[in-house]
Amino acid sequence: MPERSLERRRDALAAFLRQRRETLRPVDVGLPPTGRRRTPGLRREEVATLAGVGLTWYTWLEQGRDINASEEVLLRLSKALKLDDAECCHLFLLAQRRPPPVEAYQWDQVSPRVQQLMDDLTLRPAYVTNLRWDVIAWNAAAQQLLDLEQRPRQERNILHMLFADPALRQRLPQWRDEAPCLLAQFRCDMAATPDDPAMLALVEGLKSVSPDFRRWWASSDLSGYARGFHEVGDAEGRVEQFDHEMLTVDEHRHLRMVVYFTSA
């Protein structure tokens, strides 16, 4: 990157850190009030202490000097400065020119408006997943289709349901055709964070319980992609056919809504 661009990025990072520090009060971060202050916000030494970094190092970072911040330090700064997910992403883009790791924050809920949007789709199953394909929110139609509420939270994952739930497998007439397509889509998603511990743990866990997963995961075939189940049978043996649309709910947190449409 040209030196001029590097300088602009460091200056933008310094300005962002100063602006965020000056908007916080001691009480916002659990510090006791210290009376009237000459300047608003937290002091640099308070941020450095909260983040577990040296005062001199943090001062240089706020001054836009040419120093590097590791992923661990940036995450600690994010928490010390009470950054939300979008602000954390902005910090990483300025400091490292990449988003934060997928599991930087826990994303166990969606906004009330997103939930309301899904609930309004009374005839269409819809659910929200993160990049790991954990289902973190859904509507009544998705509950009826996939019985999500009765599943333990750690098993409320599309790939786990696909490869480790024999009962669901019985309800998927085209399972052997659909599973490789879903796995191909997940492999593309995993390419965004190939070293993420949570993603790797999911893959290793499925390898241990599913020979089919092990075989297909070892294959490099990426032909065909799928976001959801195309054919699902009910208790009476009736089979519904679906197409899908995927909507981005939160690009910073990699949250996506998958909506099922009954095929004509």
Protein backbone atom coordinates (compact mmCIF):
# COMPACT_ATOMS: atom_id res chain seq x y z
CA MET A 1 0.00 0.00 0.00
CA PRO A 2 1.38 3.50 -0.85
CA GLU A 3 2.75 5.43 2.12
CA ARG A 4 0.17 8.19 1.70
CA SER A 5 -2.68 5.69 1.97
CA LEU A 6 -1.10 4.12 5.05
CA GLU A 7 -0.86 7.52 6.70
CA ARG A 8 -4.51 8.29 5.96
CA ARG A 9 -5.59 4.94 7.38
CA ARG A 10 -3.53 5.46 10.57
CA ASP A 11 -4.94 8.97 10.93
CA ALA A 12 -8.49 7.64 10.51
CA LEU A 13 -7.82 4.94 13.13
CA ALA A 14 -6.42 7.51 15.56
CA ALA A 15 -9.42 9.81 15.06
CA PHE A 16 -11.86 6.94 15.54
CA LEU A 17 -10.22 5.85 18.82
CA ARG A 18 -10.16 9.40 20.18
CA GLN A 19 -13.77 10.05 19.21
CA ARG A 20 -14.97 6.84 20.85
CA ARG A 21 -12.93 7.40 24.01
CA GLU A 22 -14.30 10.91 24.40
CA THR A 23 -17.92 9.73 24.21
CA LEU A 24 -17.57 7.36 27.18
CA ARG A 25 -17.92 8.22 30.86
CA PRO A 26 -16.19 6.30 33.66
CA VAL A 27 -19.56 4.93 34.79
CA ASP A 28 -20.12 3.49 31.29
CA VAL A 29 -17.17 1.12 31.74
CA GLY A 30 -17.61 0.31 35.42
CA LEU A 31 -15.18 2.89 36.80
CA PRO A 32 -16.10 5.07 39.81
CA PRO A 33 -16.92 8.72 39.06
CA THR A 34 -14.00 11.06 39.68
CA GLY A 35 -15.72 14.42 39.75
CA ARG A 36 -15.43 17.15 37.16
CA ARG A 37 -12.94 16.58 34.31
CA ARG A 38 -11.21 19.17 32.17
CA THR A 39 -11.87 17.14 29.01
CA PRO A 40 -14.83 14.87 28.25
CA GLY A 41 -14.67 11.12 28.15
CA LEU A 42 -12.21 8.58 29.46
CA ARG A 43 -8.54 9.24 29.96
CA ARG A 44 -6.02 7.38 27.81
CA GLU A 45 -4.60 5.61 30.84
CA GLU A 46 -8.09 4.33 31.70
CA VAL A 47 -8.56 2.84 28.23
CA ALA A 48 -5.08 1.32 28.35
CA THR A 49 -5.80 -0.27 31.74
CA LEU A 50 -9.19 -1.63 30.62
CA ALA A 51 -7.66 -3.11 27.47
CA GLY A 52 -4.56 -4.47 29.21
CA VAL A 53 -2.06 -2.55 27.07
CA GLY A 54 0.70 -0.10 27.90
CA LEU A 55 -0.16 3.58 28.15
CA THR A 56 2.69 4.60 25.85
CA TRP A 57 1.67 2.04 23.22
CA TYR A 58 -1.97 3.15 23.31
CA THR A 59 -0.96 6.82 23.16
CA TRP A 60 1.10 6.12 20.04
CA LEU A 61 -1.86 4.31 18.50
CA GLU A 62 -4.08 7.35 19.13
CA GLN A 63 -1.39 9.57 17.66
CA GLY A 64 -1.41 7.63 14.40
CA ARG A 65 2.12 6.30 14.72
CA ASP A 66 3.33 3.37 12.65
CA ILE A 67 2.68 0.51 15.09
CA ASN A 68 0.85 -2.78 14.67
CA ALA A 69 -2.09 -4.03 16.75
CA SER A 70 -2.75 -7.76 16.97
CA GLU A 71 -6.20 -9.34 16.67
CA GLU A 72 -6.26 -10.06 20.42
CA VAL A 73 -5.42 -6.46 21.31
CA LEU A 74 -8.03 -5.07 18.91
CA LEU A 75 -10.69 -7.28 20.48
CA ARG A 76 -9.68 -6.07 23.94
CA LEU A 77 -9.83 -2.47 22.76
CA SER A 78 -13.27 -3.13 21.27
CA LYS A 79 -14.56 -4.35 24.60
CA ALA A 80 -12.84 -1.60 26.58
CA LEU A 81 -14.39 1.07 24.33
CA LYS A 82 -17.82 -0.65 24.31
CA LEU A 83 -17.86 -0.94 20.52
CA ASP A 84 -20.87 -2.58 18.91
CA ASP A 85 -20.41 -5.06 16.08
CA ALA A 86 -20.39 -2.46 13.32
CA GLU A 87 -17.84 -0.33 15.21
CA CYS A 88 -15.70 -3.38 15.94
CA CYS A 89 -15.72 -4.20 12.23
CA HIS A 90 -14.73 -0.59 11.41
CA LEU A 91 -11.85 -0.77 13.90
CA PHE A 92 -10.51 -3.97 12.31
CA LEU A 93 -10.84 -2.60 8.79
CA LEU A 94 -8.85 0.49 9.75
CA ALA A 95 -6.19 -1.43 11.70
CA GLN A 96 -5.85 -4.62 9.66
CA ARG A 97 -7.90 -4.07 6.48
CA ARG A 98 -10.12 -7.08 7.32
CA PRO A 99 -13.23 -7.75 9.40
CA PRO A 100 -12.95 -9.18 12.92
CA PRO A 101 -13.02 -12.96 13.43
CA VAL A 102 -16.43 -14.59 13.15
CA GLU A 103 -16.65 -15.51 16.83
CA ALA A 104 -15.51 -12.14 18.16
CA TYR A 105 -18.94 -11.63 19.64
CA GLN A 106 -21.77 -13.97 20.57
CA TRP A 107 -24.74 -13.51 18.23
CA ASP A 108 -27.57 -15.33 19.92
CA GLN A 109 -30.41 -13.04 18.93
CA VAL A 110 -31.74 -10.82 16.18
CA SER A 111 -33.42 -7.44 16.45
CA PRO A 112 -37.15 -7.32 17.25
CA ARG A 113 -37.86 -5.99 13.75
CA VAL A 114 -36.11 -8.92 12.08
CA GLN A 115 -38.07 -11.32 14.26
CA GLN A 116 -41.29 -9.48 13.42
CA LEU A 117 -40.47 -9.71 9.72
CA MET A 118 -40.12 -13.47 10.01
CA ASP A 119 -43.26 -13.79 12.12
CA ASP A 120 -45.22 -11.89 9.47
CA LEU A 121 -44.28 -14.59 6.95
CA THR A 122 -46.93 -16.88 8.36
CA LEU A 123 -46.98 -19.26 5.40
CA ARG A 124 -43.26 -19.28 4.65
CA PRO A 125 -40.66 -21.00 6.85
CA ALA A 126 -37.84 -18.58 7.62
CA TYR A 127 -34.82 -18.68 9.91
CA VAL A 128 -31.65 -16.69 10.53
CA THR A 129 -28.23 -18.33 10.59
CA ASN A 130 -24.74 -17.10 11.32
CA LEU A 131 -21.70 -17.98 9.22
CA ARG A 132 -21.36 -21.30 11.08
CA TRP A 133 -24.95 -22.13 10.07
CA ASP A 134 -26.26 -22.08 13.63
CA VAL A 135 -29.97 -21.25 13.56
CA ILE A 136 -30.36 -18.34 15.98
CA ALA A 137 -33.94 -17.23 15.20
CA TRP A 138 -36.95 -18.59 13.31
CA ASN A 139 -40.69 -18.21 12.76
CA ALA A 140 -43.60 -20.54 13.52
CA ALA A 141 -43.58 -22.03 10.02
CA ALA A 142 -39.91 -22.99 10.37
CA GLN A 143 -40.66 -24.48 13.77
CA GLN A 144 -43.38 -26.64 12.24
CA LEU A 145 -41.08 -27.72 9.42
CA LEU A 146 -37.88 -28.42 11.39
CA ASP A 147 -38.90 -28.70 15.08
CA LEU A 148 -36.19 -26.24 16.15
CA GLU A 149 -37.41 -25.46 19.68
CA GLN A 150 -37.07 -29.07 20.82
CA ARG A 151 -33.45 -29.31 19.74
CA PRO A 152 -30.60 -28.54 22.19
CA ARG A 153 -29.01 -25.24 21.31
CA GLN A 154 -25.70 -26.82 20.25
CA GLU A 155 -27.59 -29.08 17.82
CA ARG A 156 -29.60 -26.22 16.31
CA ASN A 157 -27.27 -26.10 13.33
CA ILE A 158 -28.23 -26.83 9.73
CA LEU A 159 -25.27 -29.12 9.07
CA HIS A 160 -25.67 -30.96 12.36
CA MET A 161 -29.35 -31.50 11.59
CA LEU A 162 -28.46 -32.68 8.09
CA PHE A 163 -25.74 -35.17 9.00
CA ALA A 164 -26.39 -36.14 12.63
CA ASP A 165 -30.19 -36.34 12.88
CA PRO A 166 -31.49 -39.68 11.50
CA ALA A 167 -35.11 -38.61 12.07
CA LEU A 168 -34.72 -35.56 9.82
CA ARG A 169 -32.83 -37.58 7.26
CA GLN A 170 -35.86 -39.86 6.99
CA ARG A 171 -37.95 -36.81 6.03
CA LEU A 172 -35.63 -35.69 3.23
CA PRO A 173 -36.43 -37.82 0.15
CA GLN A 174 -33.56 -36.33 -1.84
CA TRP A 175 -31.09 -36.33 1.04
CA ARG A 176 -28.23 -37.91 -0.88
CA ASP A 177 -28.55 -35.35 -3.66
CA GLU A 178 -29.15 -32.33 -1.43
CA ALA A 179 -26.52 -32.90 1.27
CA PRO A 180 -23.47 -32.42 -1.01
CA CYS A 181 -24.98 -29.20 -2.38
CA LEU A 182 -25.52 -27.79 1.11
CA LEU A 183 -22.01 -28.84 2.07
CA ALA A 184 -20.59 -27.10 -1.01
CA GLN A 185 -22.29 -23.86 0.07
CA PHE A 186 -20.94 -24.20 3.61
CA ARG A 187 -17.43 -24.82 2.27
CA CYS A 188 -17.65 -21.49 0.44
CA ASP A 189 -18.76 -19.74 3.63
CA MET A 190 -15.97 -21.34 5.62
CA ALA A 191 -13.42 -19.97 3.16
CA ALA A 192 -14.11 -16.55 4.72
CA THR A 193 -12.72 -17.76 8.08
CA PRO A 194 -10.85 -21.03 7.49
CA ASP A 195 -9.05 -20.97 10.85
CA ASP A 196 -11.99 -20.04 13.07
CA PRO A 197 -12.05 -22.45 16.07
CA ALA A 198 -15.86 -22.72 16.14
CA MET A 199 -16.04 -23.58 12.45
CA LEU A 200 -13.25 -26.14 12.77
CA ALA A 201 -14.90 -27.70 15.83
CA LEU A 202 -18.15 -28.15 13.88
CA VAL A 203 -16.33 -29.86 11.02
CA GLU A 204 -14.38 -32.18 13.32
CA GLY A 205 -17.52 -33.07 15.26
CA LEU A 206 -19.41 -33.99 12.08
CA LYS A 207 -16.47 -36.03 10.83
CA SER A 208 -16.71 -38.13 13.98
CA VAL A 209 -20.43 -38.92 13.60
CA SER A 210 -21.03 -39.10 9.85
CA PRO A 211 -19.13 -41.22 7.30
CA ASP A 212 -21.00 -39.37 4.55
CA PHE A 213 -19.75 -36.04 5.86
CA ARG A 214 -16.17 -37.35 6.03
CA ARG A 215 -16.31 -38.61 2.45
CA TRP A 216 -17.87 -35.49 0.96
CA TRP A 217 -15.72 -33.12 3.01
CA ALA A 218 -12.60 -34.79 1.66
CA SER A 219 -13.86 -34.25 -1.88
CA SER A 220 -13.05 -31.05 -3.73
CA ASP A 221 -16.27 -31.17 -5.76
CA LEU A 222 -18.11 -27.85 -5.42
CA SER A 223 -20.68 -28.38 -8.17
CA GLY A 224 -24.12 -27.22 -7.11
CA TYR A 225 -25.00 -25.04 -4.14
CA ALA A 226 -28.00 -24.94 -1.81
CA ARG A 227 -29.18 -22.74 1.06
CA GLY A 228 -31.93 -24.98 2.41
CA PHE A 229 -33.79 -28.25 2.07
CA HIS A 230 -35.62 -28.60 -1.25
CA GLU A 231 -37.91 -31.48 -0.30
CA VAL A 232 -39.22 -32.13 3.23
CA GLY A 233 -41.75 -34.77 4.25
CA ASP A 234 -44.18 -34.48 7.17
CA ALA A 235 -45.40 -37.11 9.65
CA GLU A 236 -48.08 -38.30 7.22
CA GLY A 237 -45.59 -38.81 4.43
CA ARG A 238 -46.63 -35.78 2.39
CA VAL A 239 -43.65 -34.11 0.72
CA GLU A 240 -43.39 -30.35 0.21
CA GLN A 241 -41.02 -28.87 -2.34
CA PHE A 242 -39.27 -25.56 -1.72
CA ASP A 243 -37.16 -22.91 -3.37
CA HIS A 244 -35.16 -20.46 -1.25
CA GLU A 245 -34.07 -16.86 -1.06
CA MET A 246 -31.30 -15.62 1.18
CA LEU A 247 -31.38 -12.10 2.65
CA THR A 248 -28.52 -10.40 4.47
CA VAL A 249 -29.71 -9.38 7.94
CA ASP A 250 -26.43 -8.03 9.32
CA GLU A 251 -23.34 -7.97 7.11
CA HIS A 252 -20.97 -7.24 9.99
CA ARG A 253 -22.18 -10.21 12.02
CA HIS A 254 -22.65 -12.45 8.96
CA LEU A 255 -26.31 -13.03 9.77
CA ARG A 256 -28.55 -14.24 6.95
CA MET A 257 -32.21 -15.05 6.66
CA VAL A 258 -33.21 -18.08 4.60
CA VAL A 259 -36.83 -17.96 3.41
CA TYR A 260 -38.59 -21.05 2.03
CA PHE A 261 -41.01 -20.66 -0.89
CA THR A 262 -43.31 -23.49 -1.91
CA SER A 263 -42.38 -24.60 -5.42
CA ALA A 264 -45.10 -24.24 -8.03
